[in-house]
C-alpha atoms as a PDB file:
ATOM      1  CA  MET A   1      33.246   3.168   1.214  1.00  0.00           C
ATOM      2  CA  GLY A   2      35.766   0.332   0.924  1.00  0.00           C
ATOM      3  CA  GLU A   3      38.897  -0.004   2.999  1.00  0.00           C
ATOM      4  CA  ALA A   4      42.288   1.570   2.426  1.00  0.00           C
ATOM      5  CA  THR A   5      44.763  -1.289   2.626  1.00  0.00           C
ATOM      6  CA  HIS A   6      47.757   0.867   3.529  1.00  0.00           C
ATOM      7  CA  ALA A   7      49.519  -0.469   6.610  1.00  0.00           C
ATOM      8  CA  GLY A   8      52.416   0.806   8.655  1.00  0.00           C
ATOM      9  CA  GLY A   9      55.939  -0.490   8.319  1.00  0.00           C
ATOM     10  CA  GLY A  10      58.663  -0.175   5.742  1.00  0.00           C
ATOM     11  CA  VAL A  11      57.827  -2.980   3.315  1.00  0.00           C
ATOM     12  CA  PRO A  12      54.036  -2.406   3.171  1.00  0.00           C
ATOM     13  CA  THR A  13      54.609   1.317   2.734  1.00  0.00           C
ATOM     14  CA  VAL A  14      57.028   0.785  -0.145  1.00  0.00           C
ATOM     15  CA  ARG A  15      54.651  -1.681  -1.775  1.00  0.00           C
ATOM     16  CA  ALA A  16      51.763   0.773  -1.463  1.00  0.00           C
ATOM     17  CA  LEU A  17      53.825   3.569  -2.999  1.00  0.00           C
ATOM     18  CA  LEU A  18      55.076   1.353  -5.824  1.00  0.00           C
ATOM     19  CA  SER A  19      51.504   0.308  -6.584  1.00  0.00           C
ATOM     20  CA  GLN A  20      50.943   3.816  -7.920  1.00  0.00           C
ATOM     21  CA  VAL A  21      53.487   3.300 -10.701  1.00  0.00           C
ATOM     22  CA  HIS A  22      51.381   2.144 -13.669  1.00  0.00           C
ATOM     23  CA  PRO A  23      53.790   1.259 -16.517  1.00  0.00           C
ATOM     24  CA  VAL A  24      51.149   1.338 -19.265  1.00  0.00           C
ATOM     25  CA  PHE A  25      50.599   5.047 -18.648  1.00  0.00           C
ATOM     26  CA  MET A  26      54.037   5.882 -17.255  1.00  0.00           C
ATOM     27  CA  LEU A  27      56.208   4.655 -20.123  1.00  0.00           C
ATOM     28  CA  PRO A  28      54.764   6.671 -23.052  1.00  0.00           C
ATOM     29  CA  PRO A  29      55.674  10.145 -21.689  1.00  0.00           C
ATOM     30  CA  LEU A  30      59.139   8.940 -20.678  1.00  0.00           C
ATOM     31  CA  ALA A  31      59.643   7.386 -24.105  1.00  0.00           C
ATOM     32  CA  ALA A  32      58.356  10.562 -25.796  1.00  0.00           C
ATOM     33  CA  SER A  33      60.937  12.585 -23.872  1.00  0.00           C
ATOM     34  CA  LEU A  34      63.761  10.338 -25.022  1.00  0.00           C
ATOM     35  CA  PHE A  35      62.443  10.364 -28.584  1.00  0.00           C
ATOM     36  CA  GLY A  36      62.513  14.156 -28.461  1.00  0.00           C
ATOM     37  CA  GLY A  37      66.192  13.961 -27.558  1.00  0.00           C
ATOM     38  CA  VAL A  38      66.924  11.513 -30.362  1.00  0.00           C
ATOM     39  CA  PHE A  39      65.034  13.726 -32.811  1.00  0.00           C
ATOM     40  CA  ALA A  40      67.121  16.707 -31.679  1.00  0.00           C
ATOM     41  CA  GLY A  41      70.169  14.906 -33.041  1.00  0.00           C
ATOM     42  CA  GLY A  42      72.092  14.261 -29.852  1.00  0.00           C
ATOM     43  CA  VAL A  43      71.349  13.243 -26.284  1.00  0.00           C
ATOM     44  CA  ASP A  44      73.127  14.721 -23.287  1.00  0.00           C
ATOM     45  CA  PRO A  45      72.576  12.016 -20.633  1.00  0.00           C
ATOM     46  CA  ALA A  46      72.302  14.398 -17.688  1.00  0.00           C
ATOM     47  CA  ALA A  47      69.746  16.661 -19.369  1.00  0.00           C
ATOM     48  CA  ALA A  48      67.756  13.670 -20.590  1.00  0.00           C
ATOM     49  CA  ALA A  49      67.764  12.102 -17.121  1.00  0.00           C
ATOM     50  CA  ALA A  50      66.562  15.340 -15.525  1.00  0.00           C
ATOM     51  CA  HIS A  51      63.684  15.661 -17.965  1.00  0.00           C
ATOM     52  CA  VAL A  52      62.683  12.010 -17.646  1.00  0.00           C
ATOM     53  CA  ALA A  53      62.775  12.323 -13.844  1.00  0.00           C
ATOM     54  CA  ALA A  54      60.525  15.380 -13.945  1.00  0.00           C
ATOM     55  CA  LEU A  55      58.008  13.543 -16.120  1.00  0.00           C
ATOM     56  CA  PHE A  56      58.130  10.488 -13.859  1.00  0.00           C
ATOM     57  CA  PHE A  57      57.200  12.586 -10.831  1.00  0.00           C
ATOM     58  CA  ALA A  58      54.503  14.430 -12.805  1.00  0.00           C
ATOM     59  CA  VAL A  59      52.824  11.192 -13.894  1.00  0.00           C
ATOM     60  CA  TYR A  60      53.280   9.646 -10.441  1.00  0.00           C
ATOM     61  CA  THR A  61      51.519  12.685  -8.982  1.00  0.00           C
ATOM     62  CA  ALA A  62      48.646  12.083 -11.397  1.00  0.00           C
ATOM     63  CA  HIS A  63      48.342   8.429 -10.373  1.00  0.00           C
ATOM     64  CA  VAL A  64      48.375   9.156  -6.648  1.00  0.00           C
ATOM     65  CA  LYS A  65      45.904  12.033  -6.935  1.00  0.00           C
ATOM     66  CA  ASP A  66      43.582  10.043  -9.196  1.00  0.00           C
ATOM     67  CA  GLY A  67      43.533   7.100  -6.790  1.00  0.00           C
ATOM     68  CA  TYR A  68      43.025   9.423  -3.819  1.00  0.00           C
ATOM     69  CA  VAL A  69      40.086  11.175  -5.467  1.00  0.00           C
ATOM     70  CA  ASP A  70      38.459   7.992  -6.793  1.00  0.00           C
ATOM     71  CA  PHE A  71      38.611   6.169  -3.442  1.00  0.00           C
ATOM     72  CA  HIS A  72      38.593   8.763  -0.685  1.00  0.00           C
ATOM     73  CA  ILE A  73      36.437  11.470  -2.308  1.00  0.00           C
ATOM     74  CA  ARG A  74      34.260   9.946  -5.038  1.00  0.00           C
ATOM     75  CA  ASP A  75      33.913   6.494  -3.465  1.00  0.00           C
ATOM     76  CA  GLU A  76      34.317   4.919  -6.909  1.00  0.00           C
ATOM     77  CA  ASP A  77      36.841   2.203  -5.987  1.00  0.00           C
ATOM     78  CA  ASP A  78      36.356  -0.678  -3.565  1.00  0.00           C
ATOM     79  CA  SER A  79      39.896  -0.507  -2.167  1.00  0.00           C
ATOM     80  CA  HIS A  80      43.039   1.573  -2.317  1.00  0.00           C
ATOM     81  CA  PRO A  81      46.552   0.803  -1.025  1.00  0.00           C
ATOM     82  CA  LEU A  82      47.126   4.288   0.417  1.00  0.00           C
ATOM     83  CA  SER A  83      45.247   5.903   3.275  1.00  0.00           C
ATOM     84  CA  ALA A  84      44.221   9.535   2.893  1.00  0.00           C
ATOM     85  CA  PRO A  85      47.171  10.849   4.976  1.00  0.00           C
ATOM     86  CA  ALA A  86      49.590   8.554   3.139  1.00  0.00           C
ATOM     87  CA  SER A  87      48.235   9.794  -0.188  1.00  0.00           C
ATOM     88  CA  ARG A  88      48.806  13.393   0.846  1.00  0.00           C
ATOM     89  CA  ARG A  89      52.361  12.598   1.960  1.00  0.00           C
ATOM     90  CA  ALA A  90      53.009  10.807  -1.335  1.00  0.00           C
ATOM     91  CA  LEU A  91      51.730  13.848  -3.237  1.00  0.00           C
ATOM     92  CA  ALA A  92      54.019  16.114  -1.236  1.00  0.00           C
ATOM     93  CA  GLY A  93      56.974  13.842  -1.946  1.00  0.00           C
ATOM     94  CA  SER A  94      56.282  13.523  -5.663  1.00  0.00           C
ATOM     95  CA  THR A  95      55.819  17.290  -5.948  1.00  0.00           C
ATOM     96  CA  ALA A  96      59.132  17.893  -4.183  1.00  0.00           C
ATOM     97  CA  GLY A  97      60.790  15.403  -6.525  1.00  0.00           C
ATOM     98  CA  PHE A  98      59.264  17.147  -9.522  1.00  0.00           C
ATOM     99  CA  LEU A  99      60.471  20.574  -8.390  1.00  0.00           C
ATOM    100  CA  ALA A 100      64.002  19.266  -7.855  1.00  0.00           C
ATOM    101  CA  ALA A 101      64.010  17.674 -11.321  1.00  0.00           C
ATOM    102  CA  LEU A 102      62.523  20.830 -12.827  1.00  0.00           C
ATOM    103  CA  ALA A 103      65.336  22.885 -11.340  1.00  0.00           C
ATOM    104  CA  ALA A 104      67.814  20.490 -12.969  1.00  0.00           C
ATOM    105  CA  VAL A 105      65.984  20.830 -16.304  1.00  0.00           C
ATOM    106  CA  TRP A 106      66.266  24.624 -16.018  1.00  0.00           C
ATOM    107  CA  THR A 107      69.983  24.412 -15.178  1.00  0.00           C
ATOM    108  CA  LEU A 108      70.860  21.946 -17.932  1.00  0.00           C
ATOM    109  CA  GLY A 109      68.346  22.892 -20.645  1.00  0.00           C
ATOM    110  CA  GLY A 110      67.416  26.505 -19.939  1.00  0.00           C
ATOM    111  CA  PRO A 111      64.173  28.281 -19.043  1.00  0.00           C
ATOM    112  CA  GLY A 112      62.457  27.221 -22.277  1.00  0.00           C
ATOM    113  CA  ALA A 113      62.801  23.549 -21.402  1.00  0.00           C
ATOM    114  CA  ALA A 114      61.561  24.238 -17.878  1.00  0.00           C
ATOM    115  CA  ALA A 115      58.567  26.175 -19.222  1.00  0.00           C
ATOM    116  CA  LEU A 116      57.558  23.216 -21.381  1.00  0.00           C
ATOM    117  CA  THR A 117      58.014  20.789 -18.483  1.00  0.00           C
ATOM    118  CA  ALA A 118      56.273  22.669 -15.674  1.00  0.00           C
ATOM    119  CA  PRO A 119      52.706  22.230 -17.036  1.00  0.00           C
ATOM    120  CA  THR A 120      53.029  18.430 -16.925  1.00  0.00           C
ATOM    121  CA  TRP A 121      52.773  18.485 -13.123  1.00  0.00           C
ATOM    122  CA  ALA A 122      49.710  20.728 -13.287  1.00  0.00           C
ATOM    123  CA  LEU A 123      48.059  18.373 -15.789  1.00  0.00           C
ATOM    124  CA  GLY A 124      48.709  15.472 -13.443  1.00  0.00           C
ATOM    125  CA  TYR A 125      47.682  17.126 -10.194  1.00  0.00           C
ATOM    126  CA  PHE A 126      44.527  18.758 -11.528  1.00  0.00           C
ATOM    127  CA  HIS A 127      43.403  15.841 -13.699  1.00  0.00           C
ATOM    128  CA  ALA A 128      41.104  14.685 -10.909  1.00  0.00           C
ATOM    129  CA  PRO A 129      38.702  16.071  -9.934  1.00  0.00           C
ATOM    130  CA  GLN A 130      39.011  19.233 -12.034  1.00  0.00           C
ATOM    131  CA  LEU A 131      39.984  18.296 -15.602  1.00  0.00           C
ATOM    132  CA  ASP A 132      38.461  14.826 -15.902  1.00  0.00           C
ATOM    133  CA  THR A 133      34.876  16.030 -15.507  1.00  0.00           C
ATOM    134  CA  ASN A 134      34.786  18.172 -18.660  1.00  0.00           C
ATOM    135  CA  THR A 135      35.033  17.022 -22.252  1.00  0.00           C
ATOM    136  CA  VAL A 136      38.273  18.733 -23.228  1.00  0.00           C
ATOM    137  CA  GLY A 137      40.136  17.992 -20.009  1.00  0.00           C
ATOM    138  CA  ALA A 138      39.072  14.353 -19.866  1.00  0.00           C
ATOM    139  CA  THR A 139      40.043  13.751 -23.487  1.00  0.00           C
ATOM    140  CA  MET A 140      43.134  15.853 -24.028  1.00  0.00           C
ATOM    141  CA  GLY A 141      44.846  16.006 -20.636  1.00  0.00           C
ATOM    142  CA  TYR A 142      47.065  12.940 -21.029  1.00  0.00           C
ATOM    143  CA  PRO A 143      47.737  13.474 -24.782  1.00  0.00           C
ATOM    144  CA  THR A 144      48.752  17.060 -24.020  1.00  0.00           C
ATOM    145  CA  GLY A 145      51.207  15.715 -21.465  1.00  0.00           C
ATOM    146  CA  ILE A 146      52.728  13.404 -24.080  1.00  0.00           C
ATOM    147  CA  ALA A 147      53.022  16.273 -26.569  1.00  0.00           C
ATOM    148  CA  LEU A 148      54.740  18.418 -23.935  1.00  0.00           C
ATOM    149  CA  ALA A 149      57.051  15.520 -23.087  1.00  0.00           C
ATOM    150  CA  LEU A 150      58.155  15.324 -26.722  1.00  0.00           C
ATOM    151  CA  LEU A 151      58.649  19.085 -26.994  1.00  0.00           C
ATOM    152  CA  GLY A 152      60.473  19.303 -23.684  1.00  0.00           C
ATOM    153  CA  GLY A 153      62.712  16.356 -24.528  1.00  0.00           C
ATOM    154  CA  PHE A 154      63.697  18.099 -27.753  1.00  0.00           C
ATOM    155  CA  GLN A 155      64.095  21.543 -26.179  1.00  0.00           C
ATOM    156  CA  VAL A 156      66.279  20.320 -23.317  1.00  0.00           C
ATOM    157  CA  GLN A 157      68.753  18.950 -25.892  1.00  0.00           C
ATOM    158  CA  ALA A 158      68.527  21.476 -28.747  1.00  0.00           C
ATOM    159  CA  GLY A 159      67.703  24.644 -26.832  1.00  0.00           C
ATOM    160  CA  ARG A 160      64.961  25.495 -29.336  1.00  0.00           C
ATOM    161  CA  LEU A 161      61.928  24.103 -31.111  1.00  0.00           C
ATOM    162  CA  THR A 162      61.529  23.436 -34.832  1.00  0.00           C
ATOM    163  CA  PRO A 163      58.447  23.151 -37.062  1.00  0.00           C
ATOM    164  CA  ALA A 164      59.125  19.435 -37.414  1.00  0.00           C
ATOM    165  CA  VAL A 165      59.023  18.631 -33.691  1.00  0.00           C
ATOM    166  CA  VAL A 166      55.998  20.878 -33.170  1.00  0.00           C
ATOM    167  CA  GLY A 167      54.273  19.049 -36.011  1.00  0.00           C
ATOM    168  CA  LEU A 168      55.056  15.661 -34.492  1.00  0.00           C
ATOM    169  CA  ALA A 169      53.781  16.846 -31.115  1.00  0.00           C
ATOM    170  CA  GLY A 170      50.530  17.785 -32.846  1.00  0.00           C
ATOM    171  CA  VAL A 171      50.348  14.299 -34.364  1.00  0.00           C
ATOM    172  CA  PHE A 172      50.695  12.713 -30.927  1.00  0.00           C
ATOM    173  CA  LEU A 173      48.037  15.036 -29.537  1.00  0.00           C
ATOM    174  CA  LEU A 174      45.580  14.058 -32.272  1.00  0.00           C
ATOM    175  CA  PHE A 175      45.880  10.306 -32.335  1.00  0.00           C
ATOM    176  CA  LEU A 176      46.288   9.904 -28.566  1.00  0.00           C
ATOM    177  CA  SER A 177      43.143  12.006 -28.050  1.00  0.00           C
ATOM    178  CA  GLY A 178      41.378   9.535 -30.320  1.00  0.00           C
ATOM    179  CA  ILE A 179      42.599   6.629 -28.196  1.00  0.00           C
ATOM    180  CA  LYS A 180      41.454   8.424 -25.039  1.00  0.00           C
ATOM    181  CA  VAL A 181      37.953   8.804 -26.478  1.00  0.00           C
ATOM    182  CA  ILE A 182      37.797   5.020 -27.003  1.00  0.00           C
ATOM    183  CA  ASP A 183      39.192   4.443 -23.506  1.00  0.00           C
ATOM    184  CA  ASP A 184      36.576   6.691 -21.897  1.00  0.00           C
ATOM    185  CA  ALA A 185      33.788   4.859 -23.736  1.00  0.00           C
ATOM    186  CA  GLN A 186      34.428   1.873 -21.443  1.00  0.00           C
ATOM    187  CA  ASP A 187      32.850   3.851 -18.586  1.00  0.00           C
ATOM    188  CA  PHE A 188      29.980   5.314 -20.597  1.00  0.00           C
ATOM    189  CA  ASP A 189      27.147   4.213 -18.292  1.00  0.00           C
ATOM    190  CA  TYR A 190      28.869   5.260 -15.089  1.00  0.00           C
ATOM    191  CA  ASP A 191      30.150   8.550 -16.476  1.00  0.00           C
ATOM    192  CA  ARG A 192      26.673   9.443 -17.702  1.00  0.00           C
ATOM    193  CA  SER A 193      25.206   8.618 -14.278  1.00  0.00           C
ATOM    194  CA  ILE A 194      27.498  11.136 -12.545  1.00  0.00           C
ATOM    195  CA  ASP A 195      27.332  13.714 -15.367  1.00  0.00           C
ATOM    196  CA  LYS A 196      31.001  13.261 -16.250  1.00  0.00           C
ATOM    197  CA  ARG A 197      30.992  14.793 -19.720  1.00  0.00           C
ATOM    198  CA  THR A 198      33.360  12.643 -21.719  1.00  0.00           C
ATOM    199  CA  VAL A 199      33.079  12.616 -25.502  1.00  0.00           C
ATOM    200  CA  ALA A 200      31.051   9.401 -25.292  1.00  0.00           C
ATOM    201  CA  VAL A 201      28.566  11.051 -22.931  1.00  0.00           C
ATOM    202  CA  VAL A 202      28.303  14.170 -25.093  1.00  0.00           C
ATOM    203  CA  LEU A 203      28.124  12.519 -28.521  1.00  0.00           C
ATOM    204  CA  GLY A 204      26.860   9.068 -27.638  1.00  0.00           C
ATOM    205  CA  GLU A 205      28.842   5.867 -28.070  1.00  0.00           C
ATOM    206  CA  ARG A 206      28.488   5.730 -31.858  1.00  0.00           C
ATOM    207  CA  GLY A 207      29.344   9.411 -32.300  1.00  0.00           C
ATOM    208  CA  ALA A 208      32.351   9.067 -30.001  1.00  0.00           C
ATOM    209  CA  HIS A 209      33.550   6.081 -32.030  1.00  0.00           C
ATOM    210  CA  ARG A 210      33.412   8.115 -35.233  1.00  0.00           C
ATOM    211  CA  ALA A 211      35.123  11.113 -33.606  1.00  0.00           C
ATOM    212  CA  ALA A 212      37.888   8.929 -32.173  1.00  0.00           C
ATOM    213  CA  TYR A 213      38.775   7.351 -35.507  1.00  0.00           C
ATOM    214  CA  ALA A 214      38.562  10.720 -37.250  1.00  0.00           C
ATOM    215  CA  LEU A 215      41.156  12.089 -34.808  1.00  0.00           C
ATOM    216  CA  MET A 216      43.420   9.077 -35.279  1.00  0.00           C
ATOM    217  CA  ALA A 217      43.087   9.171 -39.070  1.00  0.00           C
ATOM    218  CA  THR A 218      43.902  12.886 -39.107  1.00  0.00           C
ATOM    219  CA  GLY A 219      47.009  12.225 -37.063  1.00  0.00           C
ATOM    220  CA  MET A 220      48.175   9.505 -39.418  1.00  0.00           C
ATOM    221  CA  VAL A 221      47.594  11.670 -42.481  1.00  0.00           C
ATOM    222  CA  ALA A 222      49.482  14.476 -40.767  1.00  0.00           C
ATOM    223  CA  VAL A 223      52.553  12.352 -40.063  1.00  0.00           C
ATOM    224  CA  VAL A 224      52.702  11.262 -43.710  1.00  0.00           C
ATOM    225  CA  ALA A 225      52.375  14.891 -44.805  1.00  0.00           C
ATOM    226  CA  LEU A 226      55.167  15.917 -42.431  1.00  0.00           C
ATOM    227  CA  ALA A 227      57.396  13.107 -43.695  1.00  0.00           C
ATOM    228  CA  LEU A 228      56.863  14.217 -47.279  1.00  0.00           C
ATOM    229  CA  GLY A 229      57.039  17.947 -46.652  1.00  0.00           C
ATOM    230  CA  LEU A 230      59.782  18.490 -44.079  1.00  0.00           C
ATOM    231  CA  ARG A 231      63.369  17.436 -44.634  1.00  0.00           C
ATOM    232  CA  ALA A 232      63.930  17.062 -40.891  1.00  0.00           C
ATOM    233  CA  ILE A 233      61.527  14.113 -40.851  1.00  0.00           C
ATOM    234  CA  PRO A 234      62.693  11.216 -43.021  1.00  0.00           C
ATOM    235  CA  PRO A 235      60.197   9.821 -45.563  1.00  0.00           C
ATOM    236  CA  SER A 236      60.396   6.440 -43.837  1.00  0.00           C
ATOM    237  CA  ALA A 237      58.558   7.982 -40.880  1.00  0.00           C
ATOM    238  CA  GLY A 238      55.420   7.557 -42.943  1.00  0.00           C
ATOM    239  CA  ALA A 239      55.677   3.830 -42.240  1.00  0.00           C
ATOM    240  CA  ALA A 240      54.724   4.573 -38.629  1.00  0.00           C
ATOM    241  CA  ALA A 241      51.300   5.636 -39.858  1.00  0.00           C
ATOM    242  CA  LEU A 242      50.886   2.351 -41.722  1.00  0.00           C
ATOM    243  CA  VAL A 243      51.837   0.356 -38.627  1.00  0.00           C
ATOM    244  CA  PHE A 244      49.383   2.165 -36.394  1.00  0.00           C
ATOM    245  CA  GLY A 245      46.719   2.212 -39.095  1.00  0.00           C
ATOM    246  CA  ALA A 246      46.830  -1.583 -39.348  1.00  0.00           C
ATOM    247  CA  VAL A 247      46.279  -1.895 -35.599  1.00  0.00           C
ATOM    248  CA  ALA A 248      43.478   0.684 -35.697  1.00  0.00           C
ATOM    249  CA  LEU A 249      41.654  -1.276 -38.405  1.00  0.00           C
ATOM    250  CA  VAL A 250      41.704  -4.382 -36.221  1.00  0.00           C
ATOM    251  CA  ALA A 251      40.630  -2.410 -33.143  1.00  0.00           C
ATOM    252  CA  ARG A 252      37.743  -0.734 -34.948  1.00  0.00           C
ATOM    253  CA  ARG A 253      35.491  -3.773 -34.637  1.00  0.00           C
ATOM    254  CA  ALA A 254      36.476  -4.580 -31.055  1.00  0.00           C
ATOM    255  CA  GLU A 255      34.647  -3.620 -27.876  1.00  0.00           C
ATOM    256  CA  PRO A 256      36.019  -0.517 -26.092  1.00  0.00           C
ATOM    257  CA  GLU A 257      38.158  -2.411 -23.552  1.00  0.00           C
ATOM    258  CA  LEU A 258      39.880  -4.602 -26.142  1.00  0.00           C
ATOM    259  CA  ALA A 259      40.087  -1.703 -28.607  1.00  0.00           C
ATOM    260  CA  THR A 260      41.833   0.440 -25.997  1.00  0.00           C
ATOM    261  CA  MET A 261      44.334  -2.313 -25.258  1.00  0.00           C
ATOM    262  CA  LEU A 262      45.085  -2.764 -28.960  1.00  0.00           C
ATOM    263  CA  LEU A 263      45.346   0.962 -29.668  1.00  0.00           C
ATOM    264  CA  ILE A 264      47.670   1.653 -26.737  1.00  0.00           C
ATOM    265  CA  ARG A 265      49.993  -1.073 -27.932  1.00  0.00           C
ATOM    266  CA  GLY A 266      49.641   0.267 -31.452  1.00  0.00           C
ATOM    267  CA  SER A 267      50.835   3.640 -30.156  1.00  0.00           C
ATOM    268  CA  TYR A 268      53.951   1.909 -28.809  1.00  0.00           C
ATOM    269  CA  LEU A 269      54.576   0.467 -32.271  1.00  0.00           C
ATOM    270  CA  PHE A 270      53.976   3.895 -33.804  1.00  0.00           C
ATOM    271  CA  LEU A 271      56.597   5.480 -31.562  1.00  0.00           C
ATOM    272  CA  ALA A 272      59.036   2.616 -32.183  1.00  0.00           C
ATOM    273  CA  ALA A 273      58.653   3.036 -35.954  1.00  0.00           C
ATOM    274  CA  LEU A 274      59.269   6.781 -35.640  1.00  0.00           C
ATOM    275  CA  VAL A 275      62.384   6.193 -33.534  1.00  0.00           C
ATOM    276  CA  ALA A 276      63.709   3.695 -36.079  1.00  0.00           C
ATOM    277  CA  ALA A 277      63.018   6.076 -38.950  1.00  0.00           C
ATOM    278  CA  VAL A 278      64.750   9.004 -37.249  1.00  0.00           C
ATOM    279  CA  TRP A 279      67.641   6.945 -35.914  1.00  0.00           C
ATOM    280  CA  PHE A 280      68.479   4.919 -39.007  1.00  0.00           C
ATOM    281  CA  ARG A 281      66.982   7.117 -41.783  1.00  0.00           C
ATOM    282  CA  PRO A 282      66.715   4.192 -44.233  1.00  0.00           C
ATOM    283  CA  LEU A 283      65.249   6.354 -47.023  1.00  0.00           C
ATOM    284  CA  GLY A 284      67.052   9.581 -46.469  1.00  0.00           C
END
């Protein structure tokens, strides 16, 4: 096993704790929450802040637990900034922060908003080593969290859900699951060696590639259908599918690592195009 680089003292401790904030994976659920508020038609700052804080602590819990499991239990990583005791203290702190934020979500948005938010912590805490070893959990855990972030962000503002926001949450679940399949393909050899049953391990690399793009294509078709069929979603939202589709076409011929990088950034563009369509409604 490698060495945990966590050292005592204020500055090293803060640096070690901050190292578990990974913006690439942290920003999408926070942005989805805020988009849910925008889609609801009005944003109460206090309610939005409470929901964003809850999601931050949920994702932070996932990062700390994942690093703890990979280094201290599975011996996958060569180094880790947090010792085992420090990791456990960080998990206790992030869980306490989540519960405090969840209580604020309940107070400001009602029990429905809290019910949609509570599972995000469970998804984060149980991702490793429970969920990430089976096909469904490894593929859909993070996308499910994003979908819940969107629904919770809407519910905390509107006090209810609508077919439109549920449909958009389904779109996010589909195309982000496709991206996750491509992401997992990077570790195909290692995952197969430890019997970690990702889609790539189950279907093979070529089969996983086809399944991933089928999921993403279905999501893009769905968002166009929603834009054409539901008045709550402006027709211009269909442009988001074109933006992401262009990135997906480029990524299709790339190796898994580069494809993942392109697709994640394409998902940012997809969300930005949806926000612009909902905010400005250029075509209706």
